[in-house]
Each structure stands twice: as structure tokens, then as C-alpha cells.
Amino acid sequence: MKKDFYLLNFDDFCQSPHDGLENLSRFLGVEISKEKSKHIINLVKPLKSIGRFKQHDLSLFDENDMSYVKHLGFDTEQA
């Protein structure tokens, strides 16, 4: 997939929707007006379930799989 694939980390997007929208629009090669950008950002509502994985034992997952997930930019740290 290389350059034709964009992985949007939903947790990161909810934490910083302005940056996330800017990165996504750059990837898509589209310009979003400031007005439209504000409208889209106001639609972002972080879910209460974000980070719920931290409440569970992740040791059942293979170490290589966890490394790969971390490599993709996802948080893998336990609470």
C-alpha cells in the first residue's frame, strides 16, 4: 500500500483534531477552508472507551505483535 495508504489513529485524532485533519487533507491532496475545518473539528467527540485497553492484561499478546502495534504509532503502555 505504501504511499497510497493513510492510517488514521482515532485516539490521536480525538486528542488533536486540528493536526489530524491537516495531515489527512495533506494526504488526500485537498484544501479545507478554515470555516469547514472548524465545522469538522467540532464534530469530533472522543469516546469514553478511548484507552480502555489499559485496564486489561495485554501479556496474552505476542511480544512481536505488540512491537508492531507500537511501530504503527499506537500506545501499548499499561496503566
PDB file of N, CA and C in Angstrom:
ATOM      1  N   MET A   1       0.816  -1.192   0.000  1.00  0.00           N
ATOM      2  CA  MET A   1       0.000   0.000   0.000  1.00  0.00           C
ATOM      3  C   MET A   1       0.862   1.259   0.000  1.00  0.00           C
ATOM      4  N   LYS A   2       1.928   1.224   0.702  1.00  0.00           N
ATOM      5  CA  LYS A   2       2.920   2.295   0.740  1.00  0.00           C
ATOM      6  C   LYS A   2       2.307   3.686   0.765  1.00  0.00           C
ATOM      7  N   LYS A   3       2.558   4.500  -0.242  1.00  0.00           N
ATOM      8  CA  LYS A   3       2.135   5.904  -0.224  1.00  0.00           C
ATOM      9  C   LYS A   3       0.636   6.079  -0.451  1.00  0.00           C
ATOM     10  N   ASP A   4      -0.058   5.032  -0.890  1.00  0.00           N
ATOM     11  CA  ASP A   4      -1.496   5.133  -1.157  1.00  0.00           C
ATOM     12  C   ASP A   4      -2.341   4.755   0.054  1.00  0.00           C
ATOM     13  N   PHE A   5      -1.716   4.635   1.204  1.00  0.00           N
ATOM     14  CA  PHE A   5      -2.418   4.197   2.415  1.00  0.00           C
ATOM     15  C   PHE A   5      -2.165   5.194   3.530  1.00  0.00           C
ATOM     16  N   TYR A   6      -3.219   5.598   4.212  1.00  0.00           N
ATOM     17  CA  TYR A   6      -3.082   6.519   5.337  1.00  0.00           C
ATOM     18  C   TYR A   6      -3.739   5.881   6.550  1.00  0.00           C
ATOM     19  N   LEU A   7      -2.980   5.692   7.601  1.00  0.00           N
ATOM     20  CA  LEU A   7      -3.501   5.126   8.829  1.00  0.00           C
ATOM     21  C   LEU A   7      -3.858   6.266   9.774  1.00  0.00           C
ATOM     22  N   LEU A   8      -5.133   6.417  10.038  1.00  0.00           N
ATOM     23  CA  LEU A   8      -5.610   7.464  10.937  1.00  0.00           C
ATOM     24  C   LEU A   8      -5.799   6.853  12.317  1.00  0.00           C
ATOM     25  N   ASN A   9      -4.982   7.281  13.256  1.00  0.00           N
ATOM     26  CA  ASN A   9      -5.102   6.821  14.639  1.00  0.00           C
ATOM     27  C   ASN A   9      -6.229   7.633  15.276  1.00  0.00           C
ATOM     28  N   PHE A  10      -7.338   6.972  15.539  1.00  0.00           N
ATOM     29  CA  PHE A  10      -8.525   7.652  16.050  1.00  0.00           C
ATOM     30  C   PHE A  10      -8.260   8.332  17.393  1.00  0.00           C
ATOM     31  N   ASP A  11      -7.535   7.670  18.276  1.00  0.00           N
ATOM     32  CA  ASP A  11      -7.225   8.256  19.586  1.00  0.00           C
ATOM     33  C   ASP A  11      -6.439   9.548  19.419  1.00  0.00           C
ATOM     34  N   ASP A  12      -5.416   9.520  18.577  1.00  0.00           N
ATOM     35  CA  ASP A  12      -4.614  10.724  18.328  1.00  0.00           C
ATOM     36  C   ASP A  12      -5.456  11.804  17.667  1.00  0.00           C
ATOM     37  N   PHE A  13      -6.315  11.397  16.736  1.00  0.00           N
ATOM     38  CA  PHE A  13      -7.175  12.353  16.048  1.00  0.00           C
ATOM     39  C   PHE A  13      -8.085  13.069  17.041  1.00  0.00           C
ATOM     40  N   CYS A  14      -8.633  12.316  17.992  1.00  0.00           N
ATOM     41  CA  CYS A  14      -9.506  12.924  19.002  1.00  0.00           C
ATOM     42  C   CYS A  14      -8.722  13.844  19.933  1.00  0.00           C
ATOM     43  N   GLN A  15      -7.476  13.495  20.218  1.00  0.00           N
ATOM     44  CA  GLN A  15      -6.638  14.325  21.089  1.00  0.00           C
ATOM     45  C   GLN A  15      -6.264  15.640  20.403  1.00  0.00           C
ATOM     46  N   SER A  16      -6.029  15.572  19.103  1.00  0.00           N
ATOM     47  CA  SER A  16      -5.574  16.747  18.360  1.00  0.00           C
ATOM     48  C   SER A  16      -6.241  16.772  16.981  1.00  0.00           C
ATOM     49  N   PRO A  17      -7.546  17.065  16.946  1.00  0.00           N
ATOM     50  CA  PRO A  17      -8.269  17.004  15.670  1.00  0.00           C
ATOM     51  C   PRO A  17      -7.768  17.997  14.619  1.00  0.00           C
ATOM     52  N   HIS A  18      -7.284  19.141  15.041  1.00  0.00           N
ATOM     53  CA  HIS A  18      -6.785  20.119  14.062  1.00  0.00           C
ATOM     54  C   HIS A  18      -5.604  19.536  13.297  1.00  0.00           C
ATOM     55  N   ASP A  19      -4.625  18.987  14.035  1.00  0.00           N
ATOM     56  CA  ASP A  19      -3.462  18.377  13.390  1.00  0.00           C
ATOM     57  C   ASP A  19      -3.867  17.174  12.552  1.00  0.00           C
ATOM     58  N   GLY A  20      -4.783  16.362  13.092  1.00  0.00           N
ATOM     59  CA  GLY A  20      -5.228  15.182  12.370  1.00  0.00           C
ATOM     60  C   GLY A  20      -5.898  15.522  11.060  1.00  0.00           C
ATOM     61  N   LEU A  21      -6.745  16.545  11.081  1.00  0.00           N
ATOM     62  CA  LEU A  21      -7.433  16.957   9.862  1.00  0.00           C
ATOM     63  C   LEU A  21      -6.454  17.550   8.852  1.00  0.00           C
ATOM     64  N   GLU A  22      -5.495  18.295   9.359  1.00  0.00           N
ATOM     65  CA  GLU A  22      -4.476  18.881   8.480  1.00  0.00           C
ATOM     66  C   GLU A  22      -3.665  17.779   7.794  1.00  0.00           C
ATOM     67  N   ASN A  23      -3.258  16.770   8.561  1.00  0.00           N
ATOM     68  CA  ASN A  23      -2.476  15.661   7.998  1.00  0.00           C
ATOM     69  C   ASN A  23      -3.298  14.860   6.989  1.00  0.00           C
ATOM     70  N   LEU A  24      -4.550  14.620   7.312  1.00  0.00           N
ATOM     71  CA  LEU A  24      -5.421  13.871   6.408  1.00  0.00           C
ATOM     72  C   LEU A  24      -5.667  14.632   5.111  1.00  0.00           C
ATOM     73  N   SER A  25      -5.926  15.919   5.214  1.00  0.00           N
ATOM     74  CA  SER A  25      -6.180  16.701   3.999  1.00  0.00           C
ATOM     75  C   SER A  25      -4.925  16.794   3.132  1.00  0.00           C
ATOM     76  N   ARG A  26      -3.758  16.862   3.768  1.00  0.00           N
ATOM     77  CA  ARG A  26      -2.498  16.877   3.011  1.00  0.00           C
ATOM     78  C   ARG A  26      -2.335  15.554   2.266  1.00  0.00           C
ATOM     79  N   PHE A  27      -2.620  14.444   2.944  1.00  0.00           N
ATOM     80  CA  PHE A  27      -2.514  13.130   2.309  1.00  0.00           C
ATOM     81  C   PHE A  27      -3.469  13.020   1.117  1.00  0.00           C
ATOM     82  N   LEU A  28      -4.692  13.518   1.286  1.00  0.00           N
ATOM     83  CA  LEU A  28      -5.691  13.436   0.224  1.00  0.00           C
ATOM     84  C   LEU A  28      -5.454  14.451  -0.887  1.00  0.00           C
ATOM     85  N   GLY A  29      -4.624  15.449  -0.597  1.00  0.00           N
ATOM     86  CA  GLY A  29      -4.352  16.472  -1.587  1.00  0.00           C
ATOM     87  C   GLY A  29      -5.511  17.436  -1.784  1.00  0.00           C
ATOM     88  N   VAL A  30      -6.243  17.689  -0.700  1.00  0.00           N
ATOM     89  CA  VAL A  30      -7.368  18.623  -0.766  1.00  0.00           C
ATOM     90  C   VAL A  30      -7.161  19.749   0.240  1.00  0.00           C
ATOM     91  N   GLU A  31      -7.693  20.896  -0.112  1.00  0.00           N
ATOM     92  CA  GLU A  31      -7.646  22.023   0.806  1.00  0.00           C
ATOM     93  C   GLU A  31      -9.008  22.144   1.479  1.00  0.00           C
ATOM     94  N   ILE A  32      -8.973  22.409   2.771  1.00  0.00           N
ATOM     95  CA  ILE A  32     -10.201  22.578   3.536  1.00  0.00           C
ATOM     96  C   ILE A  32     -10.194  24.002   4.082  1.00  0.00           C
ATOM     97  N   SER A  33     -11.254  24.733   3.816  1.00  0.00           N
ATOM     98  CA  SER A  33     -11.329  26.115   4.298  1.00  0.00           C
ATOM     99  C   SER A  33     -11.328  26.134   5.832  1.00  0.00           C
ATOM    100  N   LYS A  34     -10.938  27.264   6.384  1.00  0.00           N
ATOM    101  CA  LYS A  34     -10.920  27.395   7.847  1.00  0.00           C
ATOM    102  C   LYS A  34     -12.313  27.180   8.427  1.00  0.00           C
ATOM    103  N   GLU A  35     -13.319  27.696   7.731  1.00  0.00           N
ATOM    104  CA  GLU A  35     -14.702  27.536   8.204  1.00  0.00           C
ATOM    105  C   GLU A  35     -15.105  26.065   8.220  1.00  0.00           C
ATOM    106  N   LYS A  36     -14.833  25.366   7.139  1.00  0.00           N
ATOM    107  CA  LYS A  36     -15.172  23.941   7.048  1.00  0.00           C
ATOM    108  C   LYS A  36     -14.354  23.131   8.057  1.00  0.00           C
ATOM    109  N   SER A  37     -13.085  23.508   8.214  1.00  0.00           N
ATOM    110  CA  SER A  37     -12.216  22.828   9.168  1.00  0.00           C
ATOM    111  C   SER A  37     -12.776  22.950  10.589  1.00  0.00           C
ATOM    112  N   LYS A  38     -13.199  24.146  10.962  1.00  0.00           N
ATOM    113  CA  LYS A  38     -13.790  24.351  12.299  1.00  0.00           C
ATOM    114  C   LYS A  38     -15.037  23.495  12.466  1.00  0.00           C
ATOM    115  N   HIS A  39     -15.851  23.444  11.423  1.00  0.00           N
ATOM    116  CA  HIS A  39     -17.078  22.639  11.470  1.00  0.00           C
ATOM    117  C   HIS A  39     -16.738  21.155  11.675  1.00  0.00           C
ATOM    118  N   ILE A  40     -15.788  20.657  10.923  1.00  0.00           N
ATOM    119  CA  ILE A  40     -15.397  19.244  11.032  1.00  0.00           C
ATOM    120  C   ILE A  40     -14.823  18.955  12.421  1.00  0.00           C
ATOM    121  N   ILE A  41     -13.953  19.830  12.907  1.00  0.00           N
ATOM    122  CA  ILE A  41     -13.333  19.632  14.221  1.00  0.00           C
ATOM    123  C   ILE A  41     -14.386  19.622  15.325  1.00  0.00           C
ATOM    124  N   ASN A  42     -15.409  20.442  15.188  1.00  0.00           N
ATOM    125  CA  ASN A  42     -16.486  20.457  16.186  1.00  0.00           C
ATOM    126  C   ASN A  42     -17.296  19.166  16.197  1.00  0.00           C
ATOM    127  N   LEU A  43     -17.205  18.392  15.135  1.00  0.00           N
ATOM    128  CA  LEU A  43     -17.911  17.106  15.073  1.00  0.00           C
ATOM    129  C   LEU A  43     -17.168  16.005  15.825  1.00  0.00           C
ATOM    130  N   VAL A  44     -15.890  16.223  16.112  1.00  0.00           N
ATOM    131  CA  VAL A  44     -15.072  15.201  16.770  1.00  0.00           C
ATOM    132  C   VAL A  44     -15.455  15.128  18.241  1.00  0.00           C
ATOM    133  N   LYS A  45     -15.924  13.971  18.653  1.00  0.00           N
ATOM    134  CA  LYS A  45     -16.326  13.729  20.037  1.00  0.00           C
ATOM    135  C   LYS A  45     -15.620  12.468  20.530  1.00  0.00           C
ATOM    136  N   PRO A  46     -14.567  12.647  21.329  1.00  0.00           N
ATOM    137  CA  PRO A  46     -13.846  11.468  21.832  1.00  0.00           C
ATOM    138  C   PRO A  46     -14.783  10.534  22.609  1.00  0.00           C
ATOM    139  N   LEU A  47     -14.646   9.264  22.372  1.00  0.00           N
ATOM    140  CA  LEU A  47     -15.455   8.260  23.055  1.00  0.00           C
ATOM    141  C   LEU A  47     -14.901   7.990  24.447  1.00  0.00           C
ATOM    142  N   LYS A  48     -15.769   7.618  25.348  1.00  0.00           N
ATOM    143  CA  LYS A  48     -15.337   7.273  26.711  1.00  0.00           C
ATOM    144  C   LYS A  48     -14.463   6.024  26.717  1.00  0.00           C
ATOM    145  N   SER A  49     -14.552   5.246  25.665  1.00  0.00           N
ATOM    146  CA  SER A  49     -13.816   3.978  25.597  1.00  0.00           C
ATOM    147  C   SER A  49     -12.355   4.144  25.179  1.00  0.00           C
ATOM    148  N   ILE A  50     -11.945   5.358  24.809  1.00  0.00           N
ATOM    149  CA  ILE A  50     -10.556   5.562  24.398  1.00  0.00           C
ATOM    150  C   ILE A  50      -9.635   5.190  25.557  1.00  0.00           C
ATOM    151  N   GLY A  51      -8.678   4.346  25.268  1.00  0.00           N
ATOM    152  CA  GLY A  51      -7.704   3.928  26.277  1.00  0.00           C
ATOM    153  C   GLY A  51      -8.165   2.806  27.187  1.00  0.00           C
ATOM    154  N   ARG A  52      -9.343   2.230  26.918  1.00  0.00           N
ATOM    155  CA  ARG A  52      -9.854   1.181  27.813  1.00  0.00           C
ATOM    156  C   ARG A  52      -8.953  -0.054  27.841  1.00  0.00           C
ATOM    157  N   PHE A  53      -8.134  -0.220  26.793  1.00  0.00           N
ATOM    158  CA  PHE A  53      -7.229  -1.373  26.748  1.00  0.00           C
ATOM    159  C   PHE A  53      -6.272  -1.368  27.935  1.00  0.00           C
ATOM    160  N   LYS A  54      -6.026  -0.192  28.496  1.00  0.00           N
ATOM    161  CA  LYS A  54      -5.072  -0.075  29.604  1.00  0.00           C
ATOM    162  C   LYS A  54      -5.575  -0.770  30.858  1.00  0.00           C
ATOM    163  N   GLN A  55      -6.854  -1.083  30.908  1.00  0.00           N
ATOM    164  CA  GLN A  55      -7.449  -1.749  32.066  1.00  0.00           C
ATOM    165  C   GLN A  55      -7.370  -3.274  31.949  1.00  0.00           C
ATOM    166  N   HIS A  56      -6.815  -3.766  30.856  1.00  0.00           N
ATOM    167  CA  HIS A  56      -6.773  -5.210  30.609  1.00  0.00           C
ATOM    168  C   HIS A  56      -5.335  -5.707  30.519  1.00  0.00           C
ATOM    169  N   ASP A  57      -5.174  -6.978  30.781  1.00  0.00           N
ATOM    170  CA  ASP A  57      -3.861  -7.615  30.707  1.00  0.00           C
ATOM    171  C   ASP A  57      -3.497  -7.846  29.245  1.00  0.00           C
ATOM    172  N   LEU A  58      -2.444  -7.180  28.798  1.00  0.00           N
ATOM    173  CA  LEU A  58      -2.019  -7.316  27.406  1.00  0.00           C
ATOM    174  C   LEU A  58      -0.941  -8.385  27.228  1.00  0.00           C
ATOM    175  N   SER A  59      -0.561  -9.041  28.317  1.00  0.00           N
ATOM    176  CA  SER A  59       0.514 -10.028  28.237  1.00  0.00           C
ATOM    177  C   SER A  59       0.126 -11.243  27.398  1.00  0.00           C
ATOM    178  N   LEU A  60      -1.147 -11.416  27.120  1.00  0.00           N
ATOM    179  CA  LEU A  60      -1.569 -12.561  26.301  1.00  0.00           C
ATOM    180  C   LEU A  60      -1.215 -12.372  24.835  1.00  0.00           C
ATOM    181  N   PHE A  61      -0.840 -11.135  24.452  1.00  0.00           N
ATOM    182  CA  PHE A  61      -0.450 -10.872  23.076  1.00  0.00           C
ATOM    183  C   PHE A  61       1.045 -11.128  22.887  1.00  0.00           C
ATOM    184  N   ASP A  62       1.389 -11.640  21.747  1.00  0.00           N
ATOM    185  CA  ASP A  62       2.770 -11.915  21.411  1.00  0.00           C
ATOM    186  C   ASP A  62       3.589 -10.624  21.428  1.00  0.00           C
ATOM    187  N   GLU A  63       4.805 -10.704  21.923  1.00  0.00           N
ATOM    188  CA  GLU A  63       5.685  -9.539  22.019  1.00  0.00           C
ATOM    189  C   GLU A  63       5.939  -8.898  20.654  1.00  0.00           C
ATOM    190  N   ASN A  64       6.106  -9.721  19.622  1.00  0.00           N
ATOM    191  CA  ASN A  64       6.309  -9.189  18.269  1.00  0.00           C
ATOM    192  C   ASN A  64       5.082  -8.421  17.772  1.00  0.00           C
ATOM    193  N   ASP A  65       3.906  -8.928  18.091  1.00  0.00           N
ATOM    194  CA  ASP A  65       2.682  -8.233  17.691  1.00  0.00           C
ATOM    195  C   ASP A  65       2.581  -6.888  18.395  1.00  0.00           C
ATOM    196  N   MET A  66       2.915  -6.859  19.673  1.00  0.00           N
ATOM    197  CA  MET A  66       2.868  -5.616  20.433  1.00  0.00           C
ATOM    198  C   MET A  66       3.890  -4.613  19.893  1.00  0.00           C
ATOM    199  N   SER A  67       5.050  -5.101  19.502  1.00  0.00           N
ATOM    200  CA  SER A  67       6.072  -4.222  18.923  1.00  0.00           C
ATOM    201  C   SER A  67       5.584  -3.625  17.610  1.00  0.00           C
ATOM    202  N   TYR A  68       4.912  -4.441  16.818  1.00  0.00           N
ATOM    203  CA  TYR A  68       4.393  -3.962  15.539  1.00  0.00           C
ATOM    204  C   TYR A  68       3.329  -2.885  15.755  1.00  0.00           C
ATOM    205  N   VAL A  69       2.438  -3.126  16.693  1.00  0.00           N
ATOM    206  CA  VAL A  69       1.386  -2.157  17.007  1.00  0.00           C
ATOM    207  C   VAL A  69       2.015  -0.845  17.478  1.00  0.00           C
ATOM    208  N   LYS A  70       3.039  -0.942  18.297  1.00  0.00           N
ATOM    209  CA  LYS A  70       3.746   0.253  18.768  1.00  0.00           C
ATOM    210  C   LYS A  70       4.428   0.964  17.599  1.00  0.00           C
ATOM    211  N   HIS A  71       5.007   0.187  16.689  1.00  0.00           N
ATOM    212  CA  HIS A  71       5.646   0.733  15.498  1.00  0.00           C
ATOM    213  C   HIS A  71       4.658   1.535  14.647  1.00  0.00           C
ATOM    214  N   LEU A  72       3.402   1.112  14.625  1.00  0.00           N
ATOM    215  CA  LEU A  72       2.365   1.815  13.872  1.00  0.00           C
ATOM    216  C   LEU A  72       1.953   3.122  14.545  1.00  0.00           C
ATOM    217  N   GLY A  73       2.439   3.343  15.771  1.00  0.00           N
ATOM    218  CA  GLY A  73       2.159   4.599  16.458  1.00  0.00           C
ATOM    219  C   GLY A  73       1.109   4.505  17.535  1.00  0.00           C
ATOM    220  N   PHE A  74       0.703   3.293  17.869  1.00  0.00           N
ATOM    221  CA  PHE A  74      -0.303   3.128  18.897  1.00  0.00           C
ATOM    222  C   PHE A  74       0.317   2.976  20.265  1.00  0.00           C
ATOM    223  N   ASP A  75      -0.363   3.487  21.269  1.00  0.00           N
ATOM    224  CA  ASP A  75       0.061   3.373  22.651  1.00  0.00           C
ATOM    225  C   ASP A  75      -0.089   1.925  23.101  1.00  0.00           C
ATOM    226  N   THR A  76       0.919   1.377  23.715  1.00  0.00           N
ATOM    227  CA  THR A  76       0.846  -0.001  24.209  1.00  0.00           C
ATOM    228  C   THR A  76       1.175  -0.077  25.689  1.00  0.00           C
ATOM    229  N   GLU A  77       1.267   1.061  26.344  1.00  0.00           N
ATOM    230  CA  GLU A  77       1.630   1.085  27.757  1.00  0.00           C
ATOM    231  C   GLU A  77       0.403   0.807  28.632  1.00  0.00           C
ATOM    232  N   GLN A  78       0.620   0.005  29.643  1.00  0.00           N
ATOM    233  CA  GLN A  78      -0.438  -0.321  30.622  1.00  0.00           C
ATOM    234  C   GLN A  78      -0.563   0.814  31.625  1.00  0.00           C
ATOM    235  N   ALA A  79      -1.710   0.919  32.235  1.00  0.00           N
ATOM    236  CA  ALA A  79      -1.942   1.946  33.268  1.00  0.00           C
ATOM    237  C   ALA A  79      -1.217   1.591  34.547  1.00  0.00           C
TER     238      ALA A  79
END
